Amino acid sequence: RAKWDALAQGPLKEFSRQYGKAIEQRQDEAKLHQLRRLTAPFLLRRLKTDKAIIADLPDKVAIDEYAALSAAQAAMYQAVVDNTLDTLAAARDDPDPLKRKES
């Protein structure tokens, strides 16, 4: 926790002040461009559609692993599934599903 606190008070706070607020709140395109220029050398982006690298990529390997659930695990899983389905059904019937619900 002490390391996080030190980071939050130092570099993270400085980053937020210099870039975060400018980009998120003021939509400062110049700051966004500056941040992208600074971080670009550290980002590696490889796309499978890029013909130059497709030969370097290995074939996709998919291995399905199955595990049996105990009765308690199966019941808990089913409860989560049922709750999720109920939530989705309620959201589908709600005329404004994105509004905040008061707890």
C-alpha atoms as a PDB file:
ATOM      1  CA  ARG A   1       0.000   0.000   0.000  1.00  0.00           C
ATOM      2  CA  ALA A   2       2.835   2.394   0.772  1.00  0.00           C
ATOM      3  CA  LYS A   3       4.232   1.966  -2.752  1.00  0.00           C
ATOM      4  CA  TRP A   4       0.843   2.744  -4.270  1.00  0.00           C
ATOM      5  CA  ASP A   5       0.449   5.809  -2.044  1.00  0.00           C
ATOM      6  CA  ALA A   6       3.885   7.062  -3.104  1.00  0.00           C
ATOM      7  CA  LEU A   7       3.024   6.521  -6.763  1.00  0.00           C
ATOM      8  CA  ALA A   8      -0.355   8.226  -6.387  1.00  0.00           C
ATOM      9  CA  GLN A   9       1.236  11.285  -4.783  1.00  0.00           C
ATOM     10  CA  GLY A  10       4.139  11.524  -7.243  1.00  0.00           C
ATOM     11  CA  PRO A  11       4.251  10.364 -10.859  1.00  0.00           C
ATOM     12  CA  LEU A  12       0.586   9.366 -11.104  1.00  0.00           C
ATOM     13  CA  LYS A  13      -0.585  12.710  -9.756  1.00  0.00           C
ATOM     14  CA  GLU A  14       1.748  14.523 -12.171  1.00  0.00           C
ATOM     15  CA  PHE A  15       0.510  12.413 -15.101  1.00  0.00           C
ATOM     16  CA  SER A  16      -3.103  13.138 -14.183  1.00  0.00           C
ATOM     17  CA  ARG A  17      -2.389  16.841 -13.912  1.00  0.00           C
ATOM     18  CA  GLN A  18      -0.429  17.051 -17.158  1.00  0.00           C
ATOM     19  CA  TYR A  19      -2.392  14.668 -19.398  1.00  0.00           C
ATOM     20  CA  GLY A  20      -5.442  13.118 -17.736  1.00  0.00           C
ATOM     21  CA  LYS A  21      -7.460  16.232 -17.056  1.00  0.00           C
ATOM     22  CA  ALA A  22      -6.377  17.973 -20.257  1.00  0.00           C
ATOM     23  CA  ILE A  23      -7.392  15.039 -22.445  1.00  0.00           C
ATOM     24  CA  GLU A  24     -10.463  13.743 -20.586  1.00  0.00           C
ATOM     25  CA  GLN A  25     -12.050  16.966 -19.401  1.00  0.00           C
ATOM     26  CA  ARG A  26     -10.924  19.551 -21.950  1.00  0.00           C
ATOM     27  CA  GLN A  27     -10.507  17.231 -24.966  1.00  0.00           C
ATOM     28  CA  ASP A  28      -7.080  18.825 -25.588  1.00  0.00           C
ATOM     29  CA  GLU A  29      -6.003  17.371 -28.945  1.00  0.00           C
ATOM     30  CA  ALA A  30      -2.450  18.752 -28.622  1.00  0.00           C
ATOM     31  CA  LYS A  31      -1.933  16.944 -25.294  1.00  0.00           C
ATOM     32  CA  LEU A  32      -3.407  13.745 -26.753  1.00  0.00           C
ATOM     33  CA  HIS A  33      -1.027  13.962 -29.718  1.00  0.00           C
ATOM     34  CA  GLN A  34       1.910  14.611 -27.360  1.00  0.00           C
ATOM     35  CA  LEU A  35       1.001  11.605 -25.193  1.00  0.00           C
ATOM     36  CA  ARG A  36       0.640   9.339 -28.232  1.00  0.00           C
ATOM     37  CA  ARG A  37       4.007  10.512 -29.570  1.00  0.00           C
ATOM     38  CA  LEU A  38       5.666   9.793 -26.203  1.00  0.00           C
ATOM     39  CA  THR A  39       4.135   6.330 -25.763  1.00  0.00           C
ATOM     40  CA  ALA A  40       4.234   5.099 -29.394  1.00  0.00           C
ATOM     41  CA  PRO A  41       7.765   3.636 -29.206  1.00  0.00           C
ATOM     42  CA  PHE A  42       6.691   1.450 -26.282  1.00  0.00           C
ATOM     43  CA  LEU A  43       3.555   0.005 -27.890  1.00  0.00           C
ATOM     44  CA  LEU A  44       3.797  -3.116 -29.996  1.00  0.00           C
ATOM     45  CA  ARG A  45       0.832  -3.668 -32.251  1.00  0.00           C
ATOM     46  CA  ARG A  46       0.753  -6.713 -34.460  1.00  0.00           C
ATOM     47  CA  LEU A  47      -2.325  -7.595 -36.468  1.00  0.00           C
ATOM     48  CA  LYS A  48      -2.993 -10.949 -38.052  1.00  0.00           C
ATOM     49  CA  THR A  49      -4.175  -9.090 -41.144  1.00  0.00           C
ATOM     50  CA  ASP A  50      -0.700  -7.571 -41.590  1.00  0.00           C
ATOM     51  CA  LYS A  51       0.862  -9.625 -44.415  1.00  0.00           C
ATOM     52  CA  ALA A  52       4.381  -8.839 -43.140  1.00  0.00           C
ATOM     53  CA  ILE A  53       3.906 -10.710 -39.871  1.00  0.00           C
ATOM     54  CA  ILE A  54       1.352 -13.405 -40.654  1.00  0.00           C
ATOM     55  CA  ALA A  55       4.112 -15.965 -41.326  1.00  0.00           C
ATOM     56  CA  ASP A  56       5.671 -15.236 -37.913  1.00  0.00           C
ATOM     57  CA  LEU A  57       2.527 -16.156 -36.005  1.00  0.00           C
ATOM     58  CA  PRO A  58       2.086 -19.765 -34.914  1.00  0.00           C
ATOM     59  CA  ASP A  59      -1.036 -21.749 -35.682  1.00  0.00           C
ATOM     60  CA  LYS A  60      -3.816 -21.299 -33.174  1.00  0.00           C
ATOM     61  CA  VAL A  61      -3.985 -24.111 -30.652  1.00  0.00           C
ATOM     62  CA  ALA A  62      -7.206 -24.651 -28.732  1.00  0.00           C
ATOM     63  CA  ILE A  63      -7.356 -27.175 -25.934  1.00  0.00           C
ATOM     64  CA  ASP A  64     -10.685 -27.747 -24.214  1.00  0.00           C
ATOM     65  CA  GLU A  65     -10.366 -28.740 -20.583  1.00  0.00           C
ATOM     66  CA  TYR A  66     -13.376 -29.898 -18.596  1.00  0.00           C
ATOM     67  CA  ALA A  67     -13.790 -30.049 -14.845  1.00  0.00           C
ATOM     68  CA  ALA A  68     -16.638 -31.498 -12.838  1.00  0.00           C
ATOM     69  CA  LEU A  69     -18.358 -29.161 -10.388  1.00  0.00           C
ATOM     70  CA  SER A  70     -19.293 -30.254  -6.912  1.00  0.00           C
ATOM     71  CA  ALA A  71     -22.979 -30.023  -5.981  1.00  0.00           C
ATOM     72  CA  ALA A  72     -22.319 -26.769  -4.081  1.00  0.00           C
ATOM     73  CA  GLN A  73     -20.392 -25.273  -7.010  1.00  0.00           C
ATOM     74  CA  ALA A  74     -23.108 -26.291  -9.482  1.00  0.00           C
ATOM     75  CA  ALA A  75     -25.785 -24.709  -7.275  1.00  0.00           C
ATOM     76  CA  MET A  76     -23.772 -21.491  -6.962  1.00  0.00           C
ATOM     77  CA  TYR A  77     -23.162 -21.390 -10.716  1.00  0.00           C
ATOM     78  CA  GLN A  78     -26.847 -21.945 -11.444  1.00  0.00           C
ATOM     79  CA  ALA A  79     -27.796 -19.169  -8.995  1.00  0.00           C
ATOM     80  CA  VAL A  80     -25.480 -16.745 -10.806  1.00  0.00           C
ATOM     81  CA  VAL A  81     -26.898 -17.773 -14.193  1.00  0.00           C
ATOM     82  CA  ASP A  82     -30.481 -17.366 -12.974  1.00  0.00           C
ATOM     83  CA  ASN A  83     -29.731 -13.984 -11.405  1.00  0.00           C
ATOM     84  CA  THR A  84     -28.038 -12.766 -14.593  1.00  0.00           C
ATOM     85  CA  LEU A  85     -30.932 -13.904 -16.754  1.00  0.00           C
ATOM     86  CA  ASP A  86     -33.410 -12.158 -14.431  1.00  0.00           C
ATOM     87  CA  THR A  87     -31.338  -8.953 -14.563  1.00  0.00           C
ATOM     88  CA  LEU A  88     -31.180  -9.082 -18.369  1.00  0.00           C
ATOM     89  CA  ALA A  89     -34.921  -9.714 -18.627  1.00  0.00           C
ATOM     90  CA  ALA A  90     -35.647  -6.772 -16.322  1.00  0.00           C
ATOM     91  CA  ALA A  91     -33.309  -4.530 -18.333  1.00  0.00           C
ATOM     92  CA  ARG A  92     -35.013  -5.588 -21.568  1.00  0.00           C
ATOM     93  CA  ASP A  93     -38.411  -4.600 -20.162  1.00  0.00           C
ATOM     94  CA  ASP A  94     -37.132  -1.319 -18.640  1.00  0.00           C
ATOM     95  CA  PRO A  95     -37.790   1.718 -20.867  1.00  0.00           C
ATOM     96  CA  ASP A  96     -34.555   3.349 -19.596  1.00  0.00           C
ATOM     97  CA  PRO A  97     -32.166   0.508 -18.624  1.00  0.00           C
ATOM     98  CA  LEU A  98     -29.118   2.781 -18.316  1.00  0.00           C
ATOM     99  CA  LYS A  99     -30.496   5.037 -15.584  1.00  0.00           C
ATOM    100  CA  ARG A 100     -28.984   4.590 -12.135  1.00  0.00           C
ATOM    101  CA  LYS A 101     -31.020   2.534  -9.723  1.00  0.00           C
ATOM    102  CA  GLU A 102     -31.330   3.894  -6.185  1.00  0.00           C
ATOM    103  CA  SER A 103     -30.195   1.323  -3.619  1.00  0.00           C
END
